[in-house]
Amino acid sequence: MSYSHKNKYMNDYQAGFTLIELMISLVLGLIVSAAAIQVYLINVKTSSIQASGSELQDASVFGLQQLEKSIRLANLGNPTTRIDGTTPNGGIVLTGLNIGVPNPNEPNPYPNTGYLTRRAGDSAVGANGWTGISNTNTNSDQLTIQYINITGAPMTDCEGAVAAVNDIVIERYFVRQATGDTSTGAIKKLVLACDAGRVKKTGSIDTVTPSSDSRNFGQAGQEFIVNIDQFKVLLGAQYTTGTNAGQIIYLPSSAYSLITTGNPVLTAVKIGLIVHGSTPIIGSAEQSEFALLGQSSTENKLKADTSSKKKVRSTYETTTLLRNARVVNINTSL
């Protein structure tokens, strides 16, 4: 057989993939690709949730514990252990009387009530004062505390400024928009900030030069805990007389100021936070309702914002006893 005849004979018997074989191969390839993509998406989702969980853990372990540590200083150095709305240098600052400024019925009362302990429904006063801003349908609260440095050595306030021995330090914890945030939607980038200042030993807020000094009260403050959605405060009031003597109830600051009988004093503070991670989550529904400090979930419902990316959110609650406030004269004979 000649070479040309042999080559022609071999070509007659060459064959490729049939259409059915190609289709089967394509389907198998798509199944493998879909499985690989699914594994990738699960890994990305798990990674984002773990990253957010780590951020939330930081907020809890570092931010919340530091906040508790600061609250425990309230009323330190005050010879009066009883805390209410009239206590001079009182550890929980509810009125101007706690600072040493006359009450509203007297001449020249303390005008900047927006820098005192506030809650939803109170009036906002001052350029950097409390506004109640939050990412839920309920306003955030503000907690203002006060203490005297009687440790015998300099210490630092929540903004990192030095508090000299015998300085009267006032600190407020409130929610504001993060520095540089340009959010235009309903959900903002919020932080829990701390603004610290000094109180004159003769009463009223001290003014430090220059005006930018962090020891001046009424500034925007230092970012304390980031990625905040809500900050709530309840004051623990313990009755000292009457049939309820010895009992403690937790209530908002404005409700405490309305109590006219029973002579309750402040002995504890409850803090509630809604915090979120900064890493967007993929393929998961976002929690939008939160129960916080006895409030129903509908009272802390995340604002609707289609421009906001889904985030992992969590609530934290803590109760801090005021070690520098002791209840006295409890009537136990009833």
Protein backbone atom coordinates (compact mmCIF):
# COMPACT_ATOMS: atom_id res chain seq x y z
CA MET A 1 0.00 0.00 0.00
CA SER A 2 1.37 3.35 -0.95
CA TYR A 3 1.91 6.09 1.66
CA SER A 4 -0.85 8.26 0.22
CA HIS A 5 -3.35 5.43 0.37
CA LYS A 6 -2.32 4.64 3.99
CA ASN A 7 -2.76 8.30 5.13
CA LYS A 8 -6.17 8.47 3.50
CA TYR A 9 -7.19 5.25 5.20
CA MET A 10 -6.16 6.57 8.65
CA ASN A 11 -8.00 9.88 8.19
CA ASP A 12 -11.21 8.05 7.40
CA TYR A 13 -11.22 6.55 10.91
CA GLN A 14 -10.39 9.77 13.05
CA ALA A 15 -13.27 10.96 15.29
CA GLY A 16 -13.86 13.85 17.86
CA PHE A 17 -16.35 14.50 20.73
CA THR A 18 -19.96 14.20 19.94
CA LEU A 19 -22.42 16.99 20.75
CA ILE A 20 -23.85 15.00 23.65
CA GLU A 21 -20.38 14.46 25.14
CA LEU A 22 -19.67 18.20 24.89
CA MET A 23 -22.93 19.05 26.58
CA ILE A 24 -22.25 16.58 29.40
CA SER A 25 -18.76 18.02 29.87
CA LEU A 26 -20.16 21.56 29.96
CA VAL A 27 -22.78 20.64 32.57
CA LEU A 28 -20.20 18.88 34.75
CA GLY A 29 -17.90 21.91 34.48
CA LEU A 30 -20.72 24.26 35.51
CA ILE A 31 -21.57 22.05 38.51
CA VAL A 32 -17.95 22.04 39.64
CA SER A 33 -17.70 25.82 39.14
CA ALA A 34 -20.94 26.42 41.06
CA ALA A 35 -19.68 24.30 43.94
CA ALA A 36 -16.39 26.18 44.00
CA ILE A 37 -18.20 29.55 43.96
CA GLN A 38 -20.49 28.41 46.76
CA VAL A 39 -17.52 27.38 48.89
CA TYR A 40 -15.89 30.74 48.17
CA LEU A 41 -19.01 32.69 49.15
CA ILE A 42 -19.37 30.70 52.37
CA ASN A 43 -15.73 31.40 53.21
CA VAL A 44 -16.15 35.12 52.51
CA LYS A 45 -19.33 35.25 54.60
CA THR A 46 -17.68 33.38 57.47
CA SER A 47 -14.64 35.62 57.28
CA SER A 48 -16.73 38.81 57.35
CA ILE A 49 -18.80 37.56 60.30
CA GLN A 50 -15.64 36.58 62.20
CA ALA A 51 -14.08 39.98 61.49
CA SER A 52 -17.21 41.77 62.74
CA GLY A 53 -17.36 39.48 65.76
CA SER A 54 -13.80 40.40 66.61
CA GLU A 55 -14.65 44.10 66.38
CA LEU A 56 -17.70 43.62 68.59
CA GLN A 57 -15.54 41.74 71.08
CA ASP A 58 -13.13 44.69 71.16
CA ALA A 59 -16.03 47.03 71.90
CA SER A 60 -17.15 44.78 74.75
CA VAL A 61 -13.81 43.84 76.29
CA PHE A 62 -12.02 47.17 75.97
CA GLY A 63 -14.60 49.91 75.45
CA LEU A 64 -17.32 48.73 77.81
CA GLN A 65 -14.92 47.72 80.56
CA GLN A 66 -13.19 51.09 80.35
CA LEU A 67 -16.57 52.80 80.57
CA GLU A 68 -17.42 50.79 83.68
CA LYS A 69 -14.07 51.75 85.20
CA SER A 70 -14.81 55.43 84.64
CA ILE A 71 -18.33 55.18 86.09
CA ARG A 72 -16.93 53.62 89.27
CA LEU A 73 -15.03 56.86 89.86
CA ALA A 74 -18.29 58.79 90.18
CA ASN A 75 -18.52 60.69 93.50
CA LEU A 76 -14.92 59.83 94.43
CA GLY A 77 -13.61 62.31 97.00
CA ASN A 78 -17.00 63.81 97.78
CA PRO A 79 -17.57 63.91 101.56
CA THR A 80 -21.30 63.56 100.86
CA THR A 81 -22.00 59.94 99.94
CA ARG A 82 -25.65 60.54 99.20
CA ILE A 83 -26.22 61.25 95.46
CA ASP A 84 -29.32 63.01 94.17
CA GLY A 85 -30.13 66.03 92.02
CA THR A 86 -29.06 68.52 94.71
CA THR A 87 -25.81 66.97 95.99
CA PRO A 88 -22.87 69.41 95.58
CA ASN A 89 -20.19 67.69 93.45
CA GLY A 90 -22.61 64.76 93.16
CA GLY A 91 -21.22 61.77 91.24
CA ILE A 92 -24.15 61.71 88.81
CA VAL A 93 -24.64 65.20 87.38
CA LEU A 94 -28.36 65.79 86.91
CA THR A 95 -28.69 69.52 87.60
CA GLY A 96 -26.62 72.65 87.92
CA LEU A 97 -26.79 72.21 91.68
CA ASN A 98 -24.55 69.14 91.35
CA ILE A 99 -21.92 71.41 89.79
CA GLY A 100 -22.49 74.24 92.23
CA VAL A 101 -24.62 76.49 90.04
CA PRO A 102 -27.99 77.79 91.41
CA ASN A 103 -31.16 76.00 90.39
CA PRO A 104 -33.42 77.39 87.62
CA ASN A 105 -35.54 79.32 90.12
CA GLU A 106 -32.59 81.43 91.24
CA PRO A 107 -30.64 84.16 89.38
CA ASN A 108 -27.98 83.03 86.91
CA PRO A 109 -28.82 79.30 86.78
CA TYR A 110 -26.67 76.83 84.87
CA PRO A 111 -27.63 77.43 81.23
CA ASN A 112 -25.96 74.48 79.49
CA THR A 113 -28.37 71.74 80.53
CA GLY A 114 -27.56 69.89 77.30
CA TYR A 115 -24.26 68.84 78.91
CA LEU A 116 -25.89 67.19 81.93
CA THR A 117 -27.28 63.65 82.14
CA ARG A 118 -29.96 63.57 79.42
CA ARG A 119 -32.48 61.19 77.86
CA ALA A 120 -35.04 61.09 75.06
CA GLY A 121 -37.54 63.90 75.47
CA ASP A 122 -35.12 66.36 77.08
CA SER A 123 -34.14 69.59 75.36
CA ALA A 124 -30.88 69.87 73.40
CA VAL A 125 -28.68 72.82 74.38
CA GLY A 126 -25.18 73.86 73.28
CA ALA A 127 -23.12 73.52 70.11
CA ASN A 128 -21.58 70.22 71.24
CA GLY A 129 -24.33 69.30 73.66
CA TRP A 130 -26.54 66.23 73.72
CA THR A 131 -28.75 65.76 70.66
CA GLY A 132 -30.01 62.20 71.17
CA ILE A 133 -28.67 61.05 67.82
CA SER A 134 -28.93 57.30 67.17
CA ASN A 135 -29.40 54.81 64.35
CA THR A 136 -32.66 53.53 65.82
CA ASN A 137 -36.11 55.03 66.24
CA THR A 138 -35.31 55.95 69.88
CA ASN A 139 -32.96 58.76 70.92
CA SER A 140 -29.69 57.95 72.66
CA ASP A 141 -29.06 59.08 76.25
CA GLN A 142 -26.18 60.97 77.85
CA LEU A 143 -24.43 60.25 81.14
CA THR A 144 -22.50 62.94 83.02
CA ILE A 145 -20.42 62.02 86.06
CA GLN A 146 -18.16 63.90 88.47
CA TYR A 147 -15.32 62.98 90.83
CA ILE A 148 -12.40 64.49 92.76
CA ASN A 149 -8.86 63.18 92.36
CA ILE A 150 -7.98 62.27 95.93
CA THR A 151 -5.59 59.48 94.94
CA GLY A 152 -2.55 61.53 95.96
CA ALA A 153 -1.07 61.36 92.46
CA PRO A 154 -1.96 62.78 89.04
CA MET A 155 -4.41 60.70 87.01
CA THR A 156 -5.86 60.95 83.51
CA ASP A 157 -9.44 61.69 82.53
CA CYS A 158 -11.32 59.93 79.72
CA GLU A 159 -9.76 62.25 77.12
CA GLY A 160 -6.24 61.46 78.31
CA ALA A 161 -5.62 64.85 79.94
CA VAL A 162 -3.86 64.97 83.31
CA ALA A 163 -6.06 65.58 86.33
CA ALA A 164 -3.95 67.02 89.11
CA VAL A 165 -4.41 66.06 92.75
CA ASN A 166 -7.66 67.54 94.12
CA ASP A 167 -8.93 68.46 90.64
CA ILE A 168 -12.71 68.12 90.31
CA VAL A 169 -13.25 66.26 87.05
CA ILE A 170 -16.52 66.22 85.13
CA GLU A 171 -17.03 63.73 82.27
CA ARG A 172 -19.96 63.16 79.94
CA TYR A 173 -20.54 60.17 77.68
CA PHE A 174 -22.71 60.75 74.64
CA VAL A 175 -23.28 59.65 71.03
CA ARG A 176 -22.22 61.85 68.13
CA GLN A 177 -21.35 61.47 64.48
CA ALA A 178 -17.81 60.23 63.88
CA THR A 179 -15.24 62.87 62.97
CA GLY A 180 -15.09 63.24 59.20
CA ASP A 181 -18.23 61.19 58.55
CA THR A 182 -20.18 62.43 55.53
CA SER A 183 -23.08 59.97 55.66
CA THR A 184 -26.23 61.34 54.05
CA GLY A 185 -28.55 58.41 54.77
CA ALA A 186 -30.64 57.79 57.87
CA ILE A 187 -27.98 55.51 59.35
CA LYS A 188 -24.85 57.45 60.33
CA LYS A 189 -21.38 56.45 61.42
CA LEU A 190 -21.71 57.10 65.14
CA VAL A 191 -19.34 56.88 68.10
CA LEU A 192 -19.67 57.03 71.86
CA ALA A 193 -17.58 60.05 72.78
CA CYS A 194 -16.30 61.37 76.09
CA ASP A 195 -15.94 65.06 76.90
CA ALA A 196 -14.02 65.86 80.09
CA GLY A 197 -13.59 69.15 81.94
CA ARG A 198 -12.80 70.66 85.31
CA VAL A 199 -15.08 72.19 87.94
CA LYS A 200 -14.04 75.13 90.11
CA LYS A 201 -13.75 74.37 93.81
CA THR A 202 -16.12 77.28 94.40
CA GLY A 203 -18.66 75.85 91.96
CA SER A 204 -19.32 76.31 88.22
CA ILE A 205 -17.31 75.00 85.27
CA ASP A 206 -13.67 76.03 85.05
CA THR A 207 -12.25 77.54 81.86
CA VAL A 208 -8.79 76.48 80.76
CA THR A 209 -6.55 78.39 78.37
CA PRO A 210 -6.28 77.89 75.42
CA SER A 211 -9.88 77.17 74.45
CA SER A 212 -8.74 74.06 72.55
CA ASP A 213 -7.40 72.47 75.76
CA SER A 214 -9.21 69.16 76.32
CA ARG A 215 -9.74 70.06 79.98
CA ASN A 216 -12.43 72.51 78.89
CA PHE A 217 -15.95 71.13 79.22
CA GLY A 218 -18.44 71.37 76.35
CA GLN A 219 -16.23 70.24 73.48
CA ALA A 220 -16.86 67.48 70.92
CA GLY A 221 -14.80 65.10 73.05
CA GLN A 222 -12.69 62.06 72.31
CA GLU A 223 -14.03 59.00 70.48
CA PHE A 224 -14.45 56.33 73.17
CA ILE A 225 -16.26 53.42 71.46
CA VAL A 226 -16.74 53.32 67.67
CA ASN A 227 -19.55 51.80 65.56
CA ILE A 228 -22.32 52.73 68.00
CA ASP A 229 -26.01 52.62 67.06
CA GLN A 230 -27.63 53.32 70.43
CA PHE A 231 -26.60 54.29 73.99
CA LYS A 232 -29.09 53.98 76.83
CA VAL A 233 -28.73 54.81 80.53
CA LEU A 234 -30.86 53.83 83.54
CA LEU A 235 -30.17 55.16 87.04
CA GLY A 236 -30.48 52.84 90.01
CA ALA A 237 -32.42 54.65 92.76
CA GLN A 238 -32.68 53.11 96.23
CA TYR A 239 -35.35 54.22 98.67
CA THR A 240 -34.17 55.16 102.15
CA THR A 241 -37.50 55.78 103.89
CA GLY A 242 -41.09 54.63 103.76
CA THR A 243 -42.59 51.27 102.90
CA ASN A 244 -40.14 50.85 99.99
CA ALA A 245 -37.03 51.44 102.12
CA GLY A 246 -34.09 49.40 100.85
CA GLN A 247 -35.64 48.68 97.45
CA ILE A 248 -33.87 49.76 94.27
CA ILE A 249 -35.51 50.63 90.97
CA TYR A 250 -33.93 51.49 87.62
CA LEU A 251 -35.38 54.38 85.68
CA PRO A 252 -34.41 57.12 83.19
CA SER A 253 -32.92 60.34 84.51
CA SER A 254 -36.00 62.41 83.71
CA ALA A 255 -38.24 59.95 85.57
CA TYR A 256 -35.95 60.09 88.61
CA SER A 257 -36.22 63.87 88.74
CA LEU A 258 -40.01 63.58 88.97
CA ILE A 259 -39.95 61.49 92.16
CA THR A 260 -41.11 63.68 95.05
CA THR A 261 -41.65 61.07 97.78
CA GLY A 262 -39.62 58.24 99.25
CA ASN A 263 -36.32 60.11 99.19
CA PRO A 264 -34.46 57.71 96.79
CA VAL A 265 -30.71 58.06 96.27
CA LEU A 266 -28.61 56.94 93.31
CA THR A 267 -26.49 53.87 93.94
CA ALA A 268 -25.99 52.25 90.51
CA VAL A 269 -25.99 52.87 86.76
CA LYS A 270 -27.17 50.54 84.00
CA ILE A 271 -25.66 50.98 80.54
CA GLY A 272 -27.02 49.55 77.29
CA LEU A 273 -25.28 49.65 73.91
CA ILE A 274 -26.10 48.56 70.38
CA VAL A 275 -22.83 48.11 68.49
CA HIS A 276 -22.06 46.94 64.95
CA GLY A 277 -19.01 45.66 63.12
CA SER A 278 -17.50 47.67 60.28
CA THR A 279 -17.21 44.71 57.86
CA PRO A 280 -20.28 44.28 55.58
CA ILE A 281 -21.82 40.81 55.65
CA ILE A 282 -22.79 38.87 52.51
CA GLY A 283 -25.85 36.71 52.05
CA SER A 284 -27.35 37.18 55.52
CA ALA A 285 -30.36 39.06 56.77
CA GLU A 286 -29.55 42.07 58.94
CA GLN A 287 -30.99 42.19 62.45
CA SER A 288 -33.16 45.29 62.68
CA GLU A 289 -34.90 45.12 66.10
CA PHE A 290 -33.20 45.05 69.49
CA ALA A 291 -34.43 44.63 73.06
CA LEU A 292 -32.34 46.87 75.32
CA LEU A 293 -32.60 47.61 79.05
CA GLY A 294 -36.17 46.40 79.30
CA GLN A 295 -37.36 48.20 76.17
CA SER A 296 -39.22 46.11 73.60
CA SER A 297 -37.55 45.43 70.27
CA THR A 298 -39.96 47.78 68.49
CA GLU A 299 -38.65 50.65 70.65
CA ASN A 300 -35.15 50.11 69.25
CA LYS A 301 -35.75 49.42 65.59
CA LEU A 302 -32.99 50.17 63.11
CA LYS A 303 -33.78 53.08 60.81
CA ALA A 304 -34.53 52.22 57.18
CA ASP A 305 -31.64 53.13 54.88
CA THR A 306 -31.15 51.43 51.52
CA SER A 307 -27.72 53.02 51.15
CA SER A 308 -26.44 51.36 54.32
CA LYS A 309 -24.55 48.09 53.98
CA LYS A 310 -25.58 45.12 56.11
CA LYS A 311 -23.60 44.81 59.35
CA VAL A 312 -23.39 42.36 62.24
CA ARG A 313 -24.97 43.99 65.32
CA SER A 314 -25.08 43.06 68.98
CA THR A 315 -26.37 44.47 72.26
CA TYR A 316 -24.42 44.85 75.49
CA GLU A 317 -25.74 45.63 78.95
CA THR A 318 -23.88 46.22 82.18
CA THR A 319 -24.71 47.34 85.72
CA THR A 320 -22.17 49.32 87.72
CA LEU A 321 -22.55 49.92 91.44
CA LEU A 322 -21.35 53.33 92.59
CA ARG A 323 -18.77 52.33 95.17
CA ASN A 324 -18.45 55.94 96.36
CA ALA A 325 -22.18 56.25 97.11
CA ARG A 326 -23.47 54.54 100.22
CA VAL A 327 -27.07 54.38 101.31
CA VAL A 328 -27.68 55.51 104.88
CA ASN A 329 -30.66 55.79 107.18
CA ILE A 330 -32.58 52.87 105.68
CA ASN A 331 -35.77 52.33 107.65
CA THR A 332 -36.04 48.57 108.25
CA SER A 333 -38.62 48.71 111.02
CA LEU A 334 -41.58 48.65 108.62
